[in-house]
Amino acid sequence: MSTLRVLGIDPGLTRCGVGVVDVARNRTATLVHVGVVRSAADSPIAERLATIARGIREVLDLTQPHVVAVERVFAQHNLHSVTGTAQASGVALMLAAERGIPAATHTPSEVKAAVTGYGAADKLQVQTMIQRVLRLDALPQPADAADALALALCHAWGGGVSAQAHVADTSLTPAQRAWAEAEKRSRTKRVART
């Protein structure tokens, strides 16, 4: 496989960010698709989830990703907000599983660190780095779309099993292989501590 196509999903009920990138073995990335699936806040929850599912299905059909990366839901102060996010996340993971597409989840700080080098980066810093990495003319808008692209890049740059298999290719330079191995060791240490 010369490139890895990753669909990143920033789950949400009102705005669900979707971003697809192709990442080459040398870690260069190209934008394939970016957008936001929206549902009406005054619609019943079942209809909102169906709207999110339709939007994600359309992106899956259009782009045919090799892997799906979804933001991992974490506890927030607003229980209502985290519940909707968790439901949208479940829909995304289910749709990937239905199609036999590997899926992974990544925490917001993991994604920010992968893209900006700083796990507490703000939205503007993430958008700016996405613009640079993908050589875009403008910042990706809204922030949900930028977050989806960041998730895709995080995964492709070493965030999951499919990405690790991709970067393990023998065409990598010794420095690129060393970087991939260091990332793998770092993840293993983090998991061992938890």
N, C-alpha and C. Protein backbone atom coordinates (compact mmCIF):
# COMPACT_ATOMS: atom_id res chain seq x y z
N MET A 1 0.86 -1.17 0.00
CA MET A 1 0.00 0.00 0.00
C MET A 1 0.90 1.23 0.00
N SER A 2 0.79 2.06 -1.04
CA SER A 2 1.66 3.24 -1.11
C SER A 2 1.17 4.38 -0.24
N THR A 3 -0.14 4.47 -0.02
CA THR A 3 -0.68 5.49 0.89
C THR A 3 -1.72 4.85 1.79
N LEU A 4 -1.88 5.43 2.96
CA LEU A 4 -2.89 5.00 3.91
C LEU A 4 -3.98 6.06 3.90
N ARG A 5 -5.21 5.65 3.62
CA ARG A 5 -6.34 6.59 3.65
C ARG A 5 -7.07 6.45 4.97
N VAL A 6 -7.14 7.54 5.72
CA VAL A 6 -7.76 7.52 7.05
C VAL A 6 -8.92 8.50 7.10
N LEU A 7 -10.06 8.01 7.60
CA LEU A 7 -11.20 8.87 7.88
C LEU A 7 -11.17 9.21 9.35
N GLY A 8 -11.02 10.49 9.67
CA GLY A 8 -11.08 10.95 11.05
C GLY A 8 -12.47 11.47 11.34
N ILE A 9 -12.99 11.14 12.51
CA ILE A 9 -14.34 11.57 12.90
C ILE A 9 -14.29 12.22 14.27
N ASP A 10 -14.71 13.50 14.32
CA ASP A 10 -14.84 14.23 15.57
C ASP A 10 -16.32 14.17 15.93
N PRO A 11 -16.73 13.21 16.79
CA PRO A 11 -18.15 12.95 16.99
C PRO A 11 -18.87 14.07 17.72
N GLY A 12 -20.09 14.28 17.31
CA GLY A 12 -20.96 15.25 17.95
C GLY A 12 -22.35 15.11 17.36
N LEU A 13 -23.35 15.50 18.11
CA LEU A 13 -24.72 15.41 17.61
C LEU A 13 -25.10 16.61 16.75
N THR A 14 -24.70 17.79 17.15
CA THR A 14 -25.04 18.98 16.37
C THR A 14 -24.11 19.12 15.17
N ARG A 15 -22.80 18.93 15.41
CA ARG A 15 -21.80 18.98 14.34
C ARG A 15 -20.85 17.80 14.53
N CYS A 16 -20.80 16.95 13.53
CA CYS A 16 -19.88 15.80 13.54
C CYS A 16 -18.86 16.04 12.43
N GLY A 17 -17.62 16.33 12.83
CA GLY A 17 -16.58 16.60 11.85
C GLY A 17 -16.11 15.32 11.18
N VAL A 18 -15.90 15.38 9.87
CA VAL A 18 -15.37 14.25 9.11
C VAL A 18 -14.25 14.77 8.22
N GLY A 19 -13.13 14.05 8.25
CA GLY A 19 -11.98 14.46 7.44
C GLY A 19 -11.22 13.25 6.96
N VAL A 20 -10.88 13.24 5.69
CA VAL A 20 -10.17 12.10 5.10
C VAL A 20 -8.85 12.60 4.52
N VAL A 21 -7.78 11.89 4.85
CA VAL A 21 -6.46 12.22 4.32
C VAL A 21 -5.80 10.96 3.78
N ASP A 22 -4.97 11.16 2.78
CA ASP A 22 -4.06 10.13 2.30
C ASP A 22 -2.69 10.46 2.84
N VAL A 23 -2.04 9.49 3.49
CA VAL A 23 -0.72 9.71 4.07
C VAL A 23 0.25 8.73 3.44
N ALA A 24 1.31 9.27 2.85
CA ALA A 24 2.33 8.44 2.20
C ALA A 24 3.30 7.88 3.22
N ARG A 25 4.12 6.96 2.78
CA ARG A 25 5.10 6.34 3.69
C ARG A 25 6.06 7.36 4.28
N ASN A 26 6.32 8.43 3.56
CA ASN A 26 7.24 9.46 4.09
C ASN A 26 6.52 10.45 5.00
N ARG A 27 5.26 10.17 5.36
CA ARG A 27 4.45 10.95 6.29
C ARG A 27 3.84 12.21 5.67
N THR A 28 4.04 12.44 4.37
CA THR A 28 3.37 13.57 3.75
C THR A 28 1.89 13.23 3.60
N ALA A 29 1.06 14.24 3.75
CA ALA A 29 -0.38 14.02 3.75
C ALA A 29 -1.06 14.90 2.70
N THR A 30 -2.15 14.36 2.17
CA THR A 30 -2.95 15.06 1.17
C THR A 30 -4.41 15.02 1.60
N LEU A 31 -5.07 16.16 1.49
CA LEU A 31 -6.50 16.23 1.80
C LEU A 31 -7.30 15.50 0.73
N VAL A 32 -8.22 14.64 1.18
CA VAL A 32 -9.14 13.94 0.28
C VAL A 32 -10.53 14.53 0.41
N HIS A 33 -10.98 14.73 1.65
CA HIS A 33 -12.34 15.21 1.90
C HIS A 33 -12.40 15.82 3.30
N VAL A 34 -13.18 16.87 3.43
CA VAL A 34 -13.43 17.42 4.76
C VAL A 34 -14.84 18.01 4.78
N GLY A 35 -15.50 17.88 5.93
CA GLY A 35 -16.84 18.42 6.04
C GLY A 35 -17.38 18.23 7.45
N VAL A 36 -18.62 18.61 7.60
CA VAL A 36 -19.31 18.48 8.88
C VAL A 36 -20.71 17.95 8.61
N VAL A 37 -21.09 16.92 9.35
CA VAL A 37 -22.46 16.40 9.28
C VAL A 37 -23.22 17.09 10.40
N ARG A 38 -24.33 17.72 10.05
CA ARG A 38 -25.11 18.48 11.04
C ARG A 38 -26.47 17.85 11.27
N SER A 39 -26.95 17.95 12.51
CA SER A 39 -28.32 17.53 12.81
C SER A 39 -28.99 18.63 13.63
N ALA A 40 -30.27 18.73 13.46
CA ALA A 40 -31.04 19.79 14.13
C ALA A 40 -31.19 19.49 15.62
N ALA A 41 -30.84 20.48 16.44
CA ALA A 41 -30.88 20.32 17.89
C ALA A 41 -32.29 20.04 18.41
N ASP A 42 -33.32 20.45 17.68
CA ASP A 42 -34.69 20.24 18.16
C ASP A 42 -35.31 18.94 17.66
N SER A 43 -34.56 18.12 16.93
CA SER A 43 -35.06 16.83 16.46
C SER A 43 -34.90 15.77 17.54
N PRO A 44 -35.72 14.73 17.50
CA PRO A 44 -35.56 13.63 18.47
C PRO A 44 -34.18 12.97 18.30
N ILE A 45 -33.66 12.43 19.39
CA ILE A 45 -32.31 11.85 19.39
C ILE A 45 -32.15 10.77 18.32
N ALA A 46 -33.16 9.93 18.14
CA ALA A 46 -33.06 8.86 17.14
C ALA A 46 -32.87 9.44 15.73
N GLU A 47 -33.61 10.50 15.43
CA GLU A 47 -33.47 11.14 14.11
C GLU A 47 -32.10 11.79 13.96
N ARG A 48 -31.61 12.38 15.03
CA ARG A 48 -30.29 13.03 14.97
C ARG A 48 -29.20 11.99 14.71
N LEU A 49 -29.29 10.86 15.38
CA LEU A 49 -28.30 9.80 15.17
C LEU A 49 -28.40 9.23 13.76
N ALA A 50 -29.63 9.11 13.25
CA ALA A 50 -29.81 8.62 11.87
C ALA A 50 -29.20 9.60 10.87
N THR A 51 -29.34 10.90 11.14
CA THR A 51 -28.74 11.92 10.26
C THR A 51 -27.22 11.81 10.28
N ILE A 52 -26.64 11.65 11.46
CA ILE A 52 -25.19 11.49 11.58
C ILE A 52 -24.74 10.23 10.83
N ALA A 53 -25.49 9.14 11.00
CA ALA A 53 -25.14 7.88 10.34
C ALA A 53 -25.18 8.04 8.81
N ARG A 54 -26.21 8.69 8.29
CA ARG A 54 -26.31 8.91 6.84
C ARG A 54 -25.11 9.70 6.33
N GLY A 55 -24.74 10.74 7.05
CA GLY A 55 -23.62 11.56 6.63
C GLY A 55 -22.31 10.79 6.63
N ILE A 56 -22.08 9.99 7.66
CA ILE A 56 -20.85 9.19 7.72
C ILE A 56 -20.86 8.13 6.63
N ARG A 57 -22.01 7.50 6.39
CA ARG A 57 -22.10 6.50 5.30
C ARG A 57 -21.73 7.13 3.97
N GLU A 58 -22.21 8.34 3.72
CA GLU A 58 -21.90 9.02 2.45
C GLU A 58 -20.40 9.21 2.30
N VAL A 59 -19.73 9.62 3.37
CA VAL A 59 -18.28 9.82 3.32
C VAL A 59 -17.56 8.48 3.12
N LEU A 60 -18.02 7.43 3.81
CA LEU A 60 -17.43 6.10 3.62
C LEU A 60 -17.57 5.65 2.17
N ASP A 61 -18.76 5.84 1.60
CA ASP A 61 -18.99 5.45 0.20
C ASP A 61 -18.12 6.25 -0.75
N LEU A 62 -18.02 7.54 -0.51
CA LEU A 62 -17.29 8.45 -1.39
C LEU A 62 -15.79 8.22 -1.35
N THR A 63 -15.23 7.97 -0.16
CA THR A 63 -13.78 7.98 -0.02
C THR A 63 -13.13 6.60 0.17
N GLN A 64 -13.89 5.60 0.59
CA GLN A 64 -13.36 4.23 0.78
C GLN A 64 -12.08 4.21 1.63
N PRO A 65 -12.14 4.67 2.89
CA PRO A 65 -10.93 4.70 3.73
C PRO A 65 -10.45 3.30 4.10
N HIS A 66 -9.16 3.21 4.43
CA HIS A 66 -8.58 1.96 4.90
C HIS A 66 -8.82 1.77 6.39
N VAL A 67 -8.97 2.87 7.11
CA VAL A 67 -9.13 2.83 8.56
C VAL A 67 -9.92 4.06 9.01
N VAL A 68 -10.59 3.94 10.15
CA VAL A 68 -11.37 5.04 10.72
C VAL A 68 -10.79 5.37 12.10
N ALA A 69 -10.58 6.66 12.36
CA ALA A 69 -10.09 7.12 13.66
C ALA A 69 -11.14 8.05 14.26
N VAL A 70 -11.57 7.74 15.48
CA VAL A 70 -12.64 8.48 16.14
C VAL A 70 -12.10 9.06 17.44
N GLU A 71 -12.52 10.29 17.76
CA GLU A 71 -12.09 10.86 19.03
C GLU A 71 -12.68 10.06 20.19
N ARG A 72 -11.81 9.70 21.13
CA ARG A 72 -12.25 8.95 22.31
C ARG A 72 -13.03 9.88 23.23
N VAL A 73 -14.19 9.42 23.66
CA VAL A 73 -15.05 10.21 24.53
C VAL A 73 -14.48 10.18 25.94
N PHE A 74 -14.42 11.34 26.56
CA PHE A 74 -13.92 11.44 27.93
C PHE A 74 -14.91 12.22 28.76
N ALA A 75 -14.83 12.08 30.07
CA ALA A 75 -15.78 12.74 30.97
C ALA A 75 -15.62 14.25 30.88
N GLN A 76 -16.73 14.92 30.74
CA GLN A 76 -16.77 16.37 30.72
C GLN A 76 -17.67 16.83 31.86
N HIS A 77 -17.70 18.12 32.09
CA HIS A 77 -18.57 18.65 33.13
C HIS A 77 -20.04 18.56 32.73
N ASN A 78 -20.33 18.66 31.43
CA ASN A 78 -21.69 18.64 30.93
C ASN A 78 -22.06 17.21 30.52
N LEU A 79 -22.78 16.50 31.39
CA LEU A 79 -23.14 15.11 31.14
C LEU A 79 -23.99 14.98 29.89
N HIS A 80 -24.90 15.93 29.64
CA HIS A 80 -25.74 15.88 28.45
C HIS A 80 -24.89 15.92 27.18
N SER A 81 -23.89 16.77 27.17
CA SER A 81 -23.01 16.92 26.02
C SER A 81 -22.19 15.65 25.77
N VAL A 82 -21.64 15.07 26.83
CA VAL A 82 -20.81 13.88 26.67
C VAL A 82 -21.65 12.69 26.24
N THR A 83 -22.91 12.63 26.65
CA THR A 83 -23.79 11.54 26.24
C THR A 83 -24.02 11.59 24.74
N GLY A 84 -24.33 12.75 24.20
CA GLY A 84 -24.53 12.89 22.75
C GLY A 84 -23.27 12.56 21.97
N THR A 85 -22.13 13.01 22.48
CA THR A 85 -20.86 12.72 21.83
C THR A 85 -20.59 11.22 21.83
N ALA A 86 -20.87 10.56 22.95
CA ALA A 86 -20.67 9.11 23.04
C ALA A 86 -21.59 8.37 22.08
N GLN A 87 -22.81 8.84 21.94
CA GLN A 87 -23.74 8.19 21.02
C GLN A 87 -23.27 8.35 19.58
N ALA A 88 -22.82 9.54 19.21
CA ALA A 88 -22.32 9.76 17.84
C ALA A 88 -21.06 8.95 17.60
N SER A 89 -20.21 8.83 18.61
CA SER A 89 -19.00 8.02 18.51
C SER A 89 -19.36 6.56 18.27
N GLY A 90 -20.35 6.07 18.99
CA GLY A 90 -20.81 4.68 18.82
C GLY A 90 -21.32 4.42 17.41
N VAL A 91 -22.04 5.37 16.86
CA VAL A 91 -22.54 5.24 15.49
C VAL A 91 -21.36 5.12 14.52
N ALA A 92 -20.36 5.98 14.68
CA ALA A 92 -19.19 5.96 13.79
C ALA A 92 -18.46 4.62 13.88
N LEU A 93 -18.23 4.13 15.09
CA LEU A 93 -17.52 2.87 15.28
C LEU A 93 -18.32 1.70 14.72
N MET A 94 -19.65 1.73 14.90
CA MET A 94 -20.50 0.68 14.37
C MET A 94 -20.47 0.64 12.85
N LEU A 95 -20.51 1.81 12.21
CA LEU A 95 -20.50 1.86 10.75
C LEU A 95 -19.19 1.31 10.19
N ALA A 96 -18.08 1.61 10.86
CA ALA A 96 -16.79 1.06 10.43
C ALA A 96 -16.81 -0.46 10.56
N ALA A 97 -17.30 -0.96 11.68
CA ALA A 97 -17.35 -2.41 11.91
C ALA A 97 -18.24 -3.11 10.89
N GLU A 98 -19.38 -2.49 10.55
CA GLU A 98 -20.27 -3.09 9.56
C GLU A 98 -19.58 -3.30 8.22
N ARG A 99 -18.65 -2.43 7.89
CA ARG A 99 -17.95 -2.53 6.61
C ARG A 99 -16.63 -3.26 6.71
N GLY A 100 -16.30 -3.74 7.90
CA GLY A 100 -15.05 -4.45 8.08
C GLY A 100 -13.83 -3.55 8.03
N ILE A 101 -14.01 -2.26 8.33
CA ILE A 101 -12.92 -1.30 8.32
C ILE A 101 -12.36 -1.20 9.74
N PRO A 102 -11.04 -1.38 9.91
CA PRO A 102 -10.47 -1.22 11.26
C PRO A 102 -10.76 0.18 11.80
N ALA A 103 -11.01 0.25 13.10
CA ALA A 103 -11.30 1.54 13.72
C ALA A 103 -10.49 1.66 15.01
N ALA A 104 -10.15 2.89 15.35
CA ALA A 104 -9.39 3.17 16.56
C ALA A 104 -9.91 4.46 17.16
N THR A 105 -9.64 4.64 18.46
CA THR A 105 -10.01 5.89 19.13
C THR A 105 -8.75 6.54 19.67
N HIS A 106 -8.77 7.87 19.71
CA HIS A 106 -7.64 8.65 20.21
C HIS A 106 -8.16 9.77 21.08
N THR A 107 -7.46 10.05 22.18
CA THR A 107 -7.86 11.14 23.07
C THR A 107 -7.54 12.49 22.44
N PRO A 108 -8.25 13.54 22.83
CA PRO A 108 -7.94 14.87 22.30
C PRO A 108 -6.49 15.28 22.54
N SER A 109 -5.94 15.00 23.73
CA SER A 109 -4.56 15.41 24.00
C SER A 109 -3.57 14.62 23.15
N GLU A 110 -3.86 13.37 22.89
CA GLU A 110 -3.02 12.54 22.02
C GLU A 110 -2.99 13.13 20.61
N VAL A 111 -4.15 13.53 20.13
CA VAL A 111 -4.27 14.10 18.78
C VAL A 111 -3.52 15.43 18.70
N LYS A 112 -3.74 16.29 19.69
CA LYS A 112 -3.07 17.60 19.70
C LYS A 112 -1.55 17.43 19.73
N ALA A 113 -1.08 16.49 20.55
CA ALA A 113 0.36 16.26 20.64
C ALA A 113 0.93 15.76 19.31
N ALA A 114 0.19 14.88 18.64
CA ALA A 114 0.66 14.33 17.37
C ALA A 114 0.76 15.41 16.29
N VAL A 115 -0.19 16.33 16.30
CA VAL A 115 -0.27 17.33 15.23
C VAL A 115 0.56 18.58 15.54
N THR A 116 0.54 19.03 16.80
CA THR A 116 1.22 20.29 17.13
C THR A 116 2.47 20.09 17.98
N GLY A 117 2.62 18.92 18.57
CA GLY A 117 3.74 18.69 19.48
C GLY A 117 3.41 19.09 20.91
N TYR A 118 2.17 19.53 21.16
CA TYR A 118 1.77 20.02 22.48
C TYR A 118 0.36 19.51 22.78
N GLY A 119 0.22 18.67 23.81
CA GLY A 119 -1.04 18.03 24.13
C GLY A 119 -2.14 18.94 24.63
N ALA A 120 -1.81 20.19 24.97
CA ALA A 120 -2.83 21.14 25.43
C ALA A 120 -3.01 22.29 24.43
N ALA A 121 -2.67 22.04 23.16
CA ALA A 121 -2.80 23.08 22.13
C ALA A 121 -4.25 23.53 22.02
N ASP A 122 -4.44 24.80 21.64
CA ASP A 122 -5.80 25.30 21.47
C ASP A 122 -6.29 25.02 20.04
N LYS A 123 -7.56 25.33 19.79
CA LYS A 123 -8.18 25.05 18.49
C LYS A 123 -7.43 25.74 17.35
N LEU A 124 -7.04 26.99 17.55
CA LEU A 124 -6.36 27.74 16.50
C LEU A 124 -5.01 27.11 16.15
N GLN A 125 -4.30 26.64 17.17
CA GLN A 125 -3.01 25.98 16.91
C GLN A 125 -3.20 24.71 16.08
N VAL A 126 -4.24 23.94 16.40
CA VAL A 126 -4.52 22.71 15.65
C VAL A 126 -4.89 23.08 14.21
N GLN A 127 -5.79 24.05 14.04
CA GLN A 127 -6.19 24.45 12.69
C GLN A 127 -5.00 24.95 11.87
N THR A 128 -4.12 25.71 12.50
CA THR A 128 -2.95 26.25 11.81
C THR A 128 -2.02 25.14 11.34
N MET A 129 -1.79 24.15 12.21
CA MET A 129 -0.92 23.03 11.83
C MET A 129 -1.55 22.19 10.74
N ILE A 130 -2.85 21.97 10.80
CA ILE A 130 -3.53 21.21 9.75
C ILE A 130 -3.40 21.94 8.42
N GLN A 131 -3.58 23.27 8.45
CA GLN A 131 -3.43 24.06 7.24
C GLN A 131 -2.03 23.89 6.65
N ARG A 132 -1.03 23.93 7.49
CA ARG A 132 0.36 23.78 7.01
C ARG A 132 0.65 22.39 6.48
N VAL A 133 0.28 21.38 7.26
CA VAL A 133 0.58 20.00 6.89
C VAL A 133 -0.09 19.62 5.57
N LEU A 134 -1.34 20.05 5.41
CA LEU A 134 -2.09 19.69 4.20
C LEU A 134 -1.96 20.73 3.08
N ARG A 135 -1.17 21.78 3.35
CA ARG A 135 -0.93 22.83 2.35
C ARG A 135 -2.25 23.43 1.83
N LEU A 136 -3.10 23.83 2.78
CA LEU A 136 -4.39 24.42 2.46
C LEU A 136 -4.26 25.93 2.32
N ASP A 137 -5.12 26.53 1.52
CA ASP A 137 -5.10 27.97 1.33
C ASP A 137 -5.64 28.73 2.54
N ALA A 138 -6.50 28.06 3.32
CA ALA A 138 -7.11 28.72 4.48
C ALA A 138 -7.22 27.71 5.62
N LEU A 139 -7.46 28.23 6.82
CA LEU A 139 -7.68 27.35 7.97
C LEU A 139 -8.92 26.49 7.72
N PRO A 140 -8.85 25.20 8.05
CA PRO A 140 -10.06 24.38 7.90
C PRO A 140 -11.12 24.84 8.89
N GLN A 141 -12.33 25.04 8.41
CA GLN A 141 -13.43 25.52 9.24
C GLN A 141 -14.61 24.58 9.10
N PRO A 142 -15.46 24.43 10.10
CA PRO A 142 -15.27 24.90 11.47
C PRO A 142 -14.22 24.04 12.19
N ALA A 143 -14.03 24.30 13.46
CA ALA A 143 -13.02 23.58 14.24
C ALA A 143 -13.29 22.08 14.24
N ASP A 144 -14.56 21.67 14.16
CA ASP A 144 -14.88 20.24 14.14
C ASP A 144 -14.24 19.55 12.93
N ALA A 145 -14.22 20.24 11.80
CA ALA A 145 -13.61 19.69 10.59
C ALA A 145 -12.10 19.58 10.77
N ALA A 146 -11.48 20.60 11.34
CA ALA A 146 -10.04 20.56 11.61
C ALA A 146 -9.70 19.44 12.58
N ASP A 147 -10.53 19.24 13.60
CA ASP A 147 -10.30 18.18 14.57
C ASP A 147 -10.38 16.81 13.91
N ALA A 148 -11.31 16.65 12.97
CA ALA A 148 -11.43 15.37 12.26
C ALA A 148 -10.17 15.10 11.43
N LEU A 149 -9.66 16.12 10.77
CA LEU A 149 -8.41 15.96 10.00
C LEU A 149 -7.24 15.65 10.93
N ALA A 150 -7.21 16.29 12.08
CA ALA A 150 -6.15 16.04 13.06
C ALA A 150 -6.21 14.59 13.56
N LEU A 151 -7.41 14.08 13.79
CA LEU A 151 -7.56 12.68 14.20
C LEU A 151 -7.01 11.74 13.13
N ALA A 152 -7.33 12.02 11.88
CA ALA A 152 -6.84 11.18 10.78
C ALA A 152 -5.31 11.20 10.72
N LEU A 153 -4.73 12.38 10.84
CA LEU A 153 -3.27 12.49 10.80
C LEU A 153 -2.62 11.80 12.00
N CYS A 154 -3.18 11.99 13.18
CA CYS A 154 -2.66 11.34 14.38
C CYS A 154 -2.59 9.84 14.17
N HIS A 155 -3.67 9.28 13.67
CA HIS A 155 -3.70 7.83 13.47
C HIS A 155 -2.68 7.40 12.41
N ALA A 156 -2.64 8.10 11.31
CA ALA A 156 -1.74 7.72 10.22
C ALA A 156 -0.28 7.84 10.62
N TRP A 157 0.02 8.80 11.49
CA TRP A 157 1.40 9.02 11.90
C TRP A 157 1.83 8.11 13.05
N GLY A 158 1.10 7.06 13.29
CA GLY A 158 1.55 6.09 14.28
C GLY A 158 0.56 5.79 15.37
N GLY A 159 -0.69 6.16 15.19
CA GLY A 159 -1.66 6.00 16.25
C GLY A 159 -2.37 4.67 16.34
N GLY A 160 -2.16 3.75 15.40
CA GLY A 160 -2.92 2.51 15.46
C GLY A 160 -2.26 1.38 14.72
N VAL A 161 -2.85 0.20 14.84
CA VAL A 161 -2.27 -1.00 14.26
C VAL A 161 -2.10 -0.86 12.75
N SER A 162 -3.12 -0.38 12.04
CA SER A 162 -3.01 -0.24 10.60
C SER A 162 -1.92 0.77 10.24
N ALA A 163 -1.82 1.82 11.02
CA ALA A 163 -0.79 2.82 10.76
C ALA A 163 0.59 2.24 11.04
N GLN A 164 0.71 1.45 12.10
CA GLN A 164 2.01 0.85 12.42
C GLN A 164 2.45 -0.11 11.32
N ALA A 165 1.51 -0.88 10.78
CA ALA A 165 1.85 -1.79 9.69
C ALA A 165 2.29 -0.98 8.47
N HIS A 166 1.62 0.15 8.26
CA HIS A 166 1.95 1.01 7.13
C HIS A 166 3.37 1.58 7.27
N VAL A 167 3.70 2.08 8.45
CA VAL A 167 5.02 2.69 8.62
C VAL A 167 6.12 1.66 8.79
N ALA A 168 5.77 0.39 8.99
CA ALA A 168 6.79 -0.64 9.13
C ALA A 168 7.37 -1.06 7.79
N ASP A 169 6.87 -0.50 6.71
CA ASP A 169 7.35 -0.85 5.37
C ASP A 169 8.85 -0.65 5.26
N THR A 170 9.51 -1.53 4.54
CA THR A 170 10.97 -1.49 4.44
C THR A 170 11.48 -0.32 3.63
N SER A 171 10.61 0.41 2.94
CA SER A 171 11.07 1.55 2.15
C SER A 171 11.34 2.78 3.01
N LEU A 172 11.03 2.70 4.30
CA LEU A 172 11.30 3.82 5.19
C LEU A 172 12.79 3.99 5.40
N THR A 173 13.19 5.21 5.63
CA THR A 173 14.59 5.47 5.95
C THR A 173 14.87 4.97 7.36
N PRO A 174 16.12 4.76 7.72
CA PRO A 174 16.43 4.34 9.09
C PRO A 174 15.87 5.32 10.14
N ALA A 175 15.92 6.61 9.85
CA ALA A 175 15.40 7.61 10.80
C ALA A 175 13.90 7.46 10.97
N GLN A 176 13.17 7.23 9.86
CA GLN A 176 11.72 7.07 9.94
C GLN A 176 11.36 5.80 10.71
N ARG A 177 12.11 4.72 10.50
CA ARG A 177 11.86 3.48 11.24
C ARG A 177 12.13 3.70 12.73
N ALA A 178 13.20 4.41 13.05
CA ALA A 178 13.54 4.68 14.46
C ALA A 178 12.43 5.50 15.11
N TRP A 179 11.91 6.49 14.38
CA TRP A 179 10.81 7.32 14.90
C TRP A 179 9.60 6.46 15.19
N ALA A 180 9.24 5.58 14.24
CA ALA A 180 8.06 4.72 14.42
C ALA A 180 8.25 3.80 15.62
N GLU A 181 9.44 3.25 15.79
CA GLU A 181 9.71 2.37 16.93
C GLU A 181 9.65 3.15 18.25
N ALA A 182 10.18 4.37 18.27
CA ALA A 182 10.12 5.20 19.49
C ALA A 182 8.68 5.50 19.86
N GLU A 183 7.86 5.82 18.87
CA GLU A 183 6.43 6.07 19.12
C GLU A 183 5.77 4.83 19.71
N LYS A 184 6.08 3.67 19.13
CA LYS A 184 5.49 2.42 19.60
C LYS A 184 5.89 2.15 21.06
N ARG A 185 7.17 2.33 21.38
CA ARG A 185 7.63 2.13 22.76
C ARG A 185 6.95 3.10 23.72
N SER A 186 6.78 4.34 23.28
CA SER A 186 6.14 5.35 24.11
C SER A 186 4.70 4.96 24.43
N ARG A 187 3.98 4.48 23.42
CA ARG A 187 2.58 4.06 23.64
C ARG A 187 2.52 2.86 24.59
N THR A 188 3.46 1.92 24.43
CA THR A 188 3.50 0.74 25.28
C THR A 188 3.72 1.14 26.73
N LYS A 189 4.62 2.10 26.98
CA LYS A 189 4.89 2.57 28.34
C LYS A 189 3.67 3.26 28.94
N ARG A 190 2.95 4.07 28.12
CA ARG A 190 1.75 4.75 28.60
C ARG A 190 0.68 3.75 29.02
N VAL A 191 0.51 2.71 28.21
CA VAL A 191 -0.49 1.69 28.49
C VAL A 191 -0.11 0.93 29.76
N ALA A 192 1.17 0.63 29.92
CA ALA A 192 1.63 -0.12 31.09
C ALA A 192 1.39 0.66 32.38
N ARG A 193 1.46 2.01 32.31
CA ARG A 193 1.27 2.83 33.51
C ARG A 193 -0.18 2.95 33.90
N THR A 194 -1.12 2.73 32.97
CA THR A 194 -2.54 2.91 33.29
C THR A 194 -3.16 1.68 33.86
